[in-house]
PDB file of N, CA and C in Angstrom:
ATOM      1  N   MET A   1       7.015  -0.586   6.853  1.00  0.00           N
ATOM      2  CA  MET A   1       6.225  -1.194   7.076  1.00  0.00           C
ATOM      3  C   MET A   1       5.194  -0.719   5.751  1.00  0.00           C
ATOM      4  N   SER A   2       5.077  -2.090   5.120  1.00  0.00           N
ATOM      5  CA  SER A   2       3.905  -2.314   4.452  1.00  0.00           C
ATOM      6  C   SER A   2       2.680  -1.521   4.955  1.00  0.00           C
ATOM      7  N   LEU A   3       1.750  -0.910   4.364  1.00  0.00           N
ATOM      8  CA  LEU A   3       0.315  -1.030   4.944  1.00  0.00           C
ATOM      9  C   LEU A   3      -1.191  -1.766   4.905  1.00  0.00           C
ATOM     10  N   VAL A   4      -1.918  -1.309   5.302  1.00  0.00           N
ATOM     11  CA  VAL A   4      -3.114  -2.627   5.726  1.00  0.00           C
ATOM     12  C   VAL A   4      -4.210  -2.021   5.307  1.00  0.00           C
ATOM     13  N   ILE A   5      -5.058  -2.922   4.988  1.00  0.00           N
ATOM     14  CA  ILE A   5      -6.368  -2.295   4.756  1.00  0.00           C
ATOM     15  C   ILE A   5      -7.387  -2.998   6.199  1.00  0.00           C
ATOM     16  N   THR A   6      -8.244  -1.671   7.213  1.00  0.00           N
ATOM     17  CA  THR A   6      -8.876  -2.635   8.081  1.00  0.00           C
ATOM     18  C   THR A   6     -10.343  -2.709   7.431  1.00  0.00           C
ATOM     19  N   ASP A   7     -10.626  -3.648   8.170  1.00  0.00           N
ATOM     20  CA  ASP A   7     -12.242  -3.980   8.155  1.00  0.00           C
ATOM     21  C   ASP A   7     -13.271  -2.517   7.896  1.00  0.00           C
ATOM     22  N   GLU A   8     -12.918  -1.739   8.079  1.00  0.00           N
ATOM     23  CA  GLU A   8     -13.769  -0.696   8.189  1.00  0.00           C
ATOM     24  C   GLU A   8     -13.992   0.004   6.718  1.00  0.00           C
ATOM     25  N   CYS A   9     -13.350  -0.599   5.827  1.00  0.00           N
ATOM     26  CA  CYS A   9     -13.123  -0.500   4.186  1.00  0.00           C
ATOM     27  C   CYS A   9     -14.834  -0.525   4.046  1.00  0.00           C
ATOM     28  N   ILE A  10     -14.983   0.357   2.881  1.00  0.00           N
ATOM     29  CA  ILE A  10     -16.431   0.361   2.254  1.00  0.00           C
ATOM     30  C   ILE A  10     -16.284   0.337   0.684  1.00  0.00           C
ATOM     31  N   ASN A  11     -15.289  -0.757   0.417  1.00  0.00           N
ATOM     32  CA  ASN A  11     -14.635  -1.231  -1.327  1.00  0.00           C
ATOM     33  C   ASN A  11     -15.610  -0.261  -1.898  1.00  0.00           C
ATOM     34  N   CYS A  12     -15.098   1.113  -1.929  1.00  0.00           N
ATOM     35  CA  CYS A  12     -15.654   2.776  -2.515  1.00  0.00           C
ATOM     36  C   CYS A  12     -14.591   2.625  -3.891  1.00  0.00           C
ATOM     37  N   ASP A  13     -13.750   1.730  -3.661  1.00  0.00           N
ATOM     38  CA  ASP A  13     -12.917   1.680  -5.212  1.00  0.00           C
ATOM     39  C   ASP A  13     -11.789   2.664  -5.095  1.00  0.00           C
ATOM     40  N   VAL A  14     -11.911   3.354  -4.730  1.00  0.00           N
ATOM     41  CA  VAL A  14     -10.612   4.850  -4.769  1.00  0.00           C
ATOM     42  C   VAL A  14      -9.078   4.444  -4.779  1.00  0.00           C
ATOM     43  N   CYS A  15      -8.871   3.412  -3.938  1.00  0.00           N
ATOM     44  CA  CYS A  15      -7.521   3.359  -3.513  1.00  0.00           C
ATOM     45  C   CYS A  15      -6.964   2.323  -4.255  1.00  0.00           C
ATOM     46  N   GLU A  16      -7.443   1.422  -4.894  1.00  0.00           N
ATOM     47  CA  GLU A  16      -6.993   0.321  -6.425  1.00  0.00           C
ATOM     48  C   GLU A  16      -6.241   0.939  -7.253  1.00  0.00           C
ATOM     49  N   PRO A  17      -6.713   2.175  -8.244  1.00  0.00           N
ATOM     50  CA  PRO A  17      -6.023   2.599  -8.924  1.00  0.00           C
ATOM     51  C   PRO A  17      -5.072   3.368  -8.476  1.00  0.00           C
ATOM     52  N   GLU A  18      -5.288   4.133  -7.365  1.00  0.00           N
ATOM     53  CA  GLU A  18      -4.056   4.872  -7.030  1.00  0.00           C
ATOM     54  C   GLU A  18      -2.459   4.140  -6.644  1.00  0.00           C
ATOM     55  N   CYS A  19      -2.825   3.033  -6.815  1.00  0.00           N
ATOM     56  CA  CYS A  19      -0.941   2.426  -6.077  1.00  0.00           C
ATOM     57  C   CYS A  19      -0.410   2.403  -7.146  1.00  0.00           C
ATOM     58  N   PRO A  20       0.609   2.826  -7.364  1.00  0.00           N
ATOM     59  CA  PRO A  20       1.632   2.917  -8.252  1.00  0.00           C
ATOM     60  C   PRO A  20       2.460   1.389  -8.531  1.00  0.00           C
ATOM     61  N   ASN A  21       2.750   0.420  -7.507  1.00  0.00           N
ATOM     62  CA  ASN A  21       3.132  -0.878  -7.670  1.00  0.00           C
ATOM     63  C   ASN A  21       1.902  -2.037  -7.691  1.00  0.00           C
ATOM     64  N   ASP A  22       0.717  -1.798  -7.884  1.00  0.00           N
ATOM     65  CA  ASP A  22      -0.310  -2.856  -7.746  1.00  0.00           C
ATOM     66  C   ASP A  22      -0.518  -3.723  -7.162  1.00  0.00           C
ATOM     67  N   ALA A  23      -0.141  -2.803  -5.490  1.00  0.00           N
ATOM     68  CA  ALA A  23      -0.276  -3.748  -4.596  1.00  0.00           C
ATOM     69  C   ALA A  23      -1.610  -4.345  -3.732  1.00  0.00           C
ATOM     70  N   ILE A  24      -2.950  -3.077  -4.766  1.00  0.00           N
ATOM     71  CA  ILE A  24      -4.121  -3.607  -4.068  1.00  0.00           C
ATOM     72  C   ILE A  24      -5.071  -3.910  -4.562  1.00  0.00           C
ATOM     73  N   SER A  25      -5.781  -4.997  -4.469  1.00  0.00           N
ATOM     74  CA  SER A  25      -6.389  -6.183  -5.045  1.00  0.00           C
ATOM     75  C   SER A  25      -7.849  -6.025  -3.792  1.00  0.00           C
ATOM     76  N   GLN A  26      -9.405  -6.501  -4.958  1.00  0.00           N
ATOM     77  CA  GLN A  26     -10.333  -7.105  -4.049  1.00  0.00           C
ATOM     78  C   GLN A  26      -9.838  -8.178  -3.733  1.00  0.00           C
ATOM     79  N   GLY A  27     -10.349  -8.278  -2.126  1.00  0.00           N
ATOM     80  CA  GLY A  27     -10.617  -9.273  -1.298  1.00  0.00           C
ATOM     81  C   GLY A  27     -11.598 -10.081  -1.282  1.00  0.00           C
ATOM     82  N   ASP A  28     -11.715 -10.967  -0.539  1.00  0.00           N
ATOM     83  CA  ASP A  28     -13.072 -11.569  -0.641  1.00  0.00           C
ATOM     84  C   ASP A  28     -14.418 -10.427   0.002  1.00  0.00           C
ATOM     85  N   GLU A  29     -13.960 -10.045   1.038  1.00  0.00           N
ATOM     86  CA  GLU A  29     -14.425  -9.124   1.385  1.00  0.00           C
ATOM     87  C   GLU A  29     -14.330  -7.239   1.358  1.00  0.00           C
ATOM     88  N   ILE A  30     -13.209  -7.160   1.801  1.00  0.00           N
ATOM     89  CA  ILE A  30     -12.659  -5.854   1.230  1.00  0.00           C
ATOM     90  C   ILE A  30     -11.402  -5.894   0.537  1.00  0.00           C
ATOM     91  N   TYR A  31     -10.793  -4.480   0.303  1.00  0.00           N
ATOM     92  CA  TYR A  31      -9.929  -4.458  -0.230  1.00  0.00           C
ATOM     93  C   TYR A  31      -8.818  -4.576   0.303  1.00  0.00           C
ATOM     94  N   VAL A  32      -7.336  -5.635  -0.473  1.00  0.00           N
ATOM     95  CA  VAL A  32      -6.519  -6.235   0.471  1.00  0.00           C
ATOM     96  C   VAL A  32      -5.178  -5.354  -0.372  1.00  0.00           C
ATOM     97  N   ILE A  33      -3.725  -5.448   0.793  1.00  0.00           N
ATOM     98  CA  ILE A  33      -2.509  -4.785  -0.187  1.00  0.00           C
ATOM     99  C   ILE A  33      -1.846  -5.943  -0.152  1.00  0.00           C
ATOM    100  N   ASP A  34      -1.022  -6.157  -0.922  1.00  0.00           N
ATOM    101  CA  ASP A  34      -0.037  -7.179  -0.769  1.00  0.00           C
ATOM    102  C   ASP A  34       1.461  -6.387  -0.182  1.00  0.00           C
ATOM    103  N   PRO A  35       1.587  -7.280   1.031  1.00  0.00           N
ATOM    104  CA  PRO A  35       2.653  -6.671   1.646  1.00  0.00           C
ATOM    105  C   PRO A  35       4.432  -6.818   0.709  1.00  0.00           C
ATOM    106  N   ASN A  36       4.192  -7.375  -0.104  1.00  0.00           N
ATOM    107  CA  ASN A  36       5.449  -8.158  -0.690  1.00  0.00           C
ATOM    108  C   ASN A  36       5.446  -6.854  -2.345  1.00  0.00           C
ATOM    109  N   LEU A  37       4.657  -6.057  -2.548  1.00  0.00           N
ATOM    110  CA  LEU A  37       4.529  -5.268  -3.215  1.00  0.00           C
ATOM    111  C   LEU A  37       4.293  -3.244  -3.333  1.00  0.00           C
ATOM    112  N   CYS A  38       3.559  -3.609  -1.531  1.00  0.00           N
ATOM    113  CA  CYS A  38       3.268  -2.324  -0.870  1.00  0.00           C
ATOM    114  C   CYS A  38       4.828  -1.510  -0.631  1.00  0.00           C
ATOM    115  N   THR A  39       5.228  -0.585  -1.005  1.00  0.00           N
ATOM    116  CA  THR A  39       6.181   0.407  -0.230  1.00  0.00           C
ATOM    117  C   THR A  39       5.957   1.387   0.096  1.00  0.00           C
ATOM    118  N   GLU A  40       4.667   2.020   0.596  1.00  0.00           N
ATOM    119  CA  GLU A  40       4.183   3.081   1.059  1.00  0.00           C
ATOM    120  C   GLU A  40       4.384   4.230   0.164  1.00  0.00           C
ATOM    121  N   CYS A  41       4.402   3.952  -1.339  1.00  0.00           N
ATOM    122  CA  CYS A  41       4.676   5.028  -1.939  1.00  0.00           C
ATOM    123  C   CYS A  41       6.075   5.310  -2.020  1.00  0.00           C
ATOM    124  N   VAL A  42       7.217   4.895  -1.247  1.00  0.00           N
ATOM    125  CA  VAL A  42       8.293   5.186  -1.312  1.00  0.00           C
ATOM    126  C   VAL A  42       8.927   4.857  -2.982  1.00  0.00           C
ATOM    127  N   GLY A  43       9.385   5.843  -3.221  1.00  0.00           N
ATOM    128  CA  GLY A  43      10.025   5.835  -4.529  1.00  0.00           C
ATOM    129  C   GLY A  43       9.420   6.407  -5.564  1.00  0.00           C
ATOM    130  N   HIS A  44       8.066   7.093  -5.278  1.00  0.00           N
ATOM    131  CA  HIS A  44       6.651   7.050  -6.378  1.00  0.00           C
ATOM    132  C   HIS A  44       6.451   8.655  -5.789  1.00  0.00           C
ATOM    133  N   PHE A  45       5.982   8.254  -4.701  1.00  0.00           N
ATOM    134  CA  PHE A  45       5.426  10.078  -4.074  1.00  0.00           C
ATOM    135  C   PHE A  45       5.796   9.838  -2.981  1.00  0.00           C
ATOM    136  N   ASP A  46       5.710  11.351  -2.374  1.00  0.00           N
ATOM    137  CA  ASP A  46       5.987  11.496  -0.930  1.00  0.00           C
ATOM    138  C   ASP A  46       4.967  10.972   0.023  1.00  0.00           C
ATOM    139  N   GLN A  47       3.891  10.374  -0.130  1.00  0.00           N
ATOM    140  CA  GLN A  47       2.770  10.001   0.471  1.00  0.00           C
ATOM    141  C   GLN A  47       2.132   9.013   0.414  1.00  0.00           C
ATOM    142  N   SER A  48       1.702   8.259   0.838  1.00  0.00           N
ATOM    143  CA  SER A  48       1.074   6.995   0.647  1.00  0.00           C
ATOM    144  C   SER A  48      -0.120   7.792  -0.099  1.00  0.00           C
ATOM    145  N   GLN A  49      -0.564   7.340  -1.840  1.00  0.00           N
ATOM    146  CA  GLN A  49      -1.932   7.757  -2.445  1.00  0.00           C
ATOM    147  C   GLN A  49      -2.939   7.166  -1.923  1.00  0.00           C
ATOM    148  N   CYS A  50      -3.005   5.523  -1.678  1.00  0.00           N
ATOM    149  CA  CYS A  50      -4.116   5.099  -1.001  1.00  0.00           C
ATOM    150  C   CYS A  50      -4.556   6.013   0.397  1.00  0.00           C
ATOM    151  N   VAL A  51      -3.786   5.957   1.116  1.00  0.00           N
ATOM    152  CA  VAL A  51      -4.184   6.885   2.233  1.00  0.00           C
ATOM    153  C   VAL A  51      -4.560   8.178   2.356  1.00  0.00           C
ATOM    154  N   GLU A  52      -3.987   8.960   1.062  1.00  0.00           N
ATOM    155  CA  GLU A  52      -4.615  10.598   0.644  1.00  0.00           C
ATOM    156  C   GLU A  52      -5.672   9.988   0.554  1.00  0.00           C
ATOM    157  N   VAL A  53      -6.150   9.123  -0.528  1.00  0.00           N
ATOM    158  CA  VAL A  53      -7.578   8.748  -1.160  1.00  0.00           C
ATOM    159  C   VAL A  53      -9.060   8.478  -0.183  1.00  0.00           C
ATOM    160  N   CYS A  54      -8.429   7.765   0.768  1.00  0.00           N
ATOM    161  CA  CYS A  54      -9.583   6.684   1.380  1.00  0.00           C
ATOM    162  C   CYS A  54     -10.016   7.713   2.298  1.00  0.00           C
ATOM    163  N   PRO A  55     -11.544   7.765   1.638  1.00  0.00           N
ATOM    164  CA  PRO A  55     -12.576   8.511   2.579  1.00  0.00           C
ATOM    165  C   PRO A  55     -13.102   7.980   3.912  1.00  0.00           C
ATOM    166  N   VAL A  56     -12.532   6.952   4.215  1.00  0.00           N
ATOM    167  CA  VAL A  56     -12.780   6.192   5.893  1.00  0.00           C
ATOM    168  C   VAL A  56     -11.897   6.128   7.013  1.00  0.00           C
ATOM    169  N   ASP A  57     -10.737   6.566   5.673  1.00  0.00           N
ATOM    170  CA  ASP A  57      -9.033   6.131   6.526  1.00  0.00           C
ATOM    171  C   ASP A  57      -9.033   4.557   7.454  1.00  0.00           C
ATOM    172  N   CYS A  58      -9.312   4.273   6.457  1.00  0.00           N
ATOM    173  CA  CYS A  58      -9.183   2.869   7.013  1.00  0.00           C
ATOM    174  C   CYS A  58      -7.686   1.670   6.725  1.00  0.00           C
ATOM    175  N   ILE A  59      -6.711   2.543   6.098  1.00  0.00           N
ATOM    176  CA  ILE A  59      -5.831   2.646   5.526  1.00  0.00           C
ATOM    177  C   ILE A  59      -4.665   2.370   6.574  1.00  0.00           C
ATOM    178  N   THR A  60      -3.849   1.750   7.116  1.00  0.00           N
ATOM    179  CA  THR A  60      -2.750   2.122   7.976  1.00  0.00           C
ATOM    180  C   THR A  60      -1.388   1.046   7.980  1.00  0.00           C
ATOM    181  N   LYS A  61      -0.490   1.702   9.009  1.00  0.00           N
ATOM    182  CA  LYS A  61       0.798   0.489   8.706  1.00  0.00           C
ATOM    183  C   LYS A  61       0.455  -0.906   9.220  1.00  0.00           C
ATOM    184  N   ASP A  62       0.970  -1.589   8.423  1.00  0.00           N
ATOM    185  CA  ASP A  62       0.803  -3.259   8.727  1.00  0.00           C
ATOM    186  C   ASP A  62       1.777  -3.407  10.334  1.00  0.00           C
ATOM    187  N   PRO A  63       1.452  -3.505  11.255  1.00  0.00           N
ATOM    188  CA  PRO A  63       2.390  -3.825  12.284  1.00  0.00           C
ATOM    189  C   PRO A  63       3.051  -5.050  12.228  1.00  0.00           C
ATOM    190  N   THR A  64       2.469  -6.311  11.066  1.00  0.00           N
ATOM    191  CA  THR A  64       3.102  -8.014  10.926  1.00  0.00           C
ATOM    192  C   THR A  64       3.964  -7.591   9.592  1.00  0.00           C
ATOM    193  N   HIS A  65       4.199  -6.627   9.228  1.00  0.00           N
ATOM    194  CA  HIS A  65       5.163  -6.486   8.431  1.00  0.00           C
ATOM    195  C   HIS A  65       6.253  -5.048   8.375  1.00  0.00           C
ATOM    196  N   PRO A  66       6.968  -5.209   9.365  1.00  0.00           N
ATOM    197  CA  PRO A  66       7.836  -3.813   9.978  1.00  0.00           C
ATOM    198  C   PRO A  66       8.840  -3.775   8.732  1.00  0.00           C
ATOM    199  N   GLU A  67       9.151  -2.463   8.286  1.00  0.00           N
ATOM    200  CA  GLU A  67      10.384  -2.326   7.225  1.00  0.00           C
ATOM    201  C   GLU A  67      10.638  -0.797   7.713  1.00  0.00           C
ATOM    202  N   SER A  68      11.830  -1.062   7.318  1.00  0.00           N
ATOM    203  CA  SER A  68      12.352   0.854   7.439  1.00  0.00           C
ATOM    204  C   SER A  68      12.532   1.387   5.956  1.00  0.00           C
ATOM    205  N   ALA A  69      12.830   2.881   6.282  1.00  0.00           N
ATOM    206  CA  ALA A  69      12.664   3.633   4.985  1.00  0.00           C
ATOM    207  C   ALA A  69      13.658   2.905   3.697  1.00  0.00           C
ATOM    208  N   GLU A  70      15.005   2.688   4.302  1.00  0.00           N
ATOM    209  CA  GLU A  70      15.366   1.524   3.492  1.00  0.00           C
ATOM    210  C   GLU A  70      15.624   0.550   3.072  1.00  0.00           C
ATOM    211  N   GLU A  71      14.850  -0.045   3.482  1.00  0.00           N
ATOM    212  CA  GLU A  71      14.158  -1.540   2.909  1.00  0.00           C
ATOM    213  C   GLU A  71      12.936  -1.247   1.837  1.00  0.00           C
ATOM    214  N   LEU A  72      12.014  -0.216   2.408  1.00  0.00           N
ATOM    215  CA  LEU A  72      10.861   0.449   1.410  1.00  0.00           C
ATOM    216  C   LEU A  72      11.718   0.653   0.258  1.00  0.00           C
ATOM    217  N   MET A  73      12.717   1.259  -0.012  1.00  0.00           N
ATOM    218  CA  MET A  73      13.541   1.918  -0.817  1.00  0.00           C
ATOM    219  C   MET A  73      14.032   1.024  -1.779  1.00  0.00           C
ATOM    220  N   ALA A  74      14.338  -0.320  -0.773  1.00  0.00           N
ATOM    221  CA  ALA A  74      15.067  -1.792  -1.669  1.00  0.00           C
ATOM    222  C   ALA A  74      13.933  -2.378  -2.344  1.00  0.00           C
ATOM    223  N   LYS A  75      13.018  -1.954  -2.106  1.00  0.00           N
ATOM    224  CA  LYS A  75      11.547  -3.229  -2.257  1.00  0.00           C
ATOM    225  C   LYS A  75      11.346  -2.728  -3.672  1.00  0.00           C
ATOM    226  N   TYR A  76      10.963  -0.954  -3.425  1.00  0.00           N
ATOM    227  CA  TYR A  76      10.867  -0.205  -4.418  1.00  0.00           C
ATOM    228  C   TYR A  76      11.548  -0.361  -5.603  1.00  0.00           C
ATOM    229  N   SER A  77      13.183  -0.515  -5.513  1.00  0.00           N
ATOM    230  CA  SER A  77      14.084  -0.942  -6.147  1.00  0.00           C
ATOM    231  C   SER A  77      13.958  -2.276  -6.835  1.00  0.00           C
ATOM    232  N   ARG A  78      13.593  -3.276  -6.327  1.00  0.00           N
ATOM    233  CA  ARG A  78      13.523  -4.601  -6.847  1.00  0.00           C
ATOM    234  C   ARG A  78      12.508  -4.306  -7.721  1.00  0.00           C
ATOM    235  N   ILE A  79      11.563  -3.977  -7.255  1.00  0.00           N
ATOM    236  CA  ILE A  79      10.007  -4.005  -7.845  1.00  0.00           C
ATOM    237  C   ILE A  79      10.017  -3.100  -9.264  1.00  0.00           C
ATOM    238  N   SER A  80      10.573  -2.192  -9.374  1.00  0.00           N
ATOM    239  CA  SER A  80      10.637  -1.374 -10.267  1.00  0.00           C
ATOM    240  C   SER A  80      11.604  -1.854 -11.571  1.00  0.00           C
ATOM    241  N   GLY A  81      12.869  -2.744 -11.345  1.00  0.00           N
ATOM    242  CA  GLY A  81      13.563  -3.213 -11.882  1.00  0.00           C
ATOM    243  C   GLY A  81      14.991  -2.016 -11.872  1.00  0.00           C
ATOM    244  N   GLU A  82      14.932  -1.059 -11.227  1.00  0.00           N
ATOM    245  CA  GLU A  82      15.878   0.058 -11.129  1.00  0.00           C
ATOM    246  C   GLU A  82      16.871  -0.462 -10.175  1.00  0.00           C
ATOM    247  N   GLY A  83      17.405  -1.126  -9.521  1.00  0.00           N
ATOM    248  CA  GLY A  83      17.671  -2.083  -8.615  1.00  0.00           C
ATOM    249  C   GLY A  83      19.041  -2.672  -8.980  1.00  0.00           C
TER     250      GLY A  83
END
């Protein structure tokens, strides 16, 4: 699954620069994650970096975008040009 930022986001700006795929951007009211770019850091890190740095734990798995580990790795390969 890709990740999603819930409305508990406090716009602290720490998640955006941590994303290796540039999937996080400022939305109308809170930060948002582009599900087409989010790989949960698969291919880059063992843990999702945005989740690691979020001070209010408002980043969760997005149930509307289910993906297996294999699908996330394929997305990483496509995005990074390594596939």
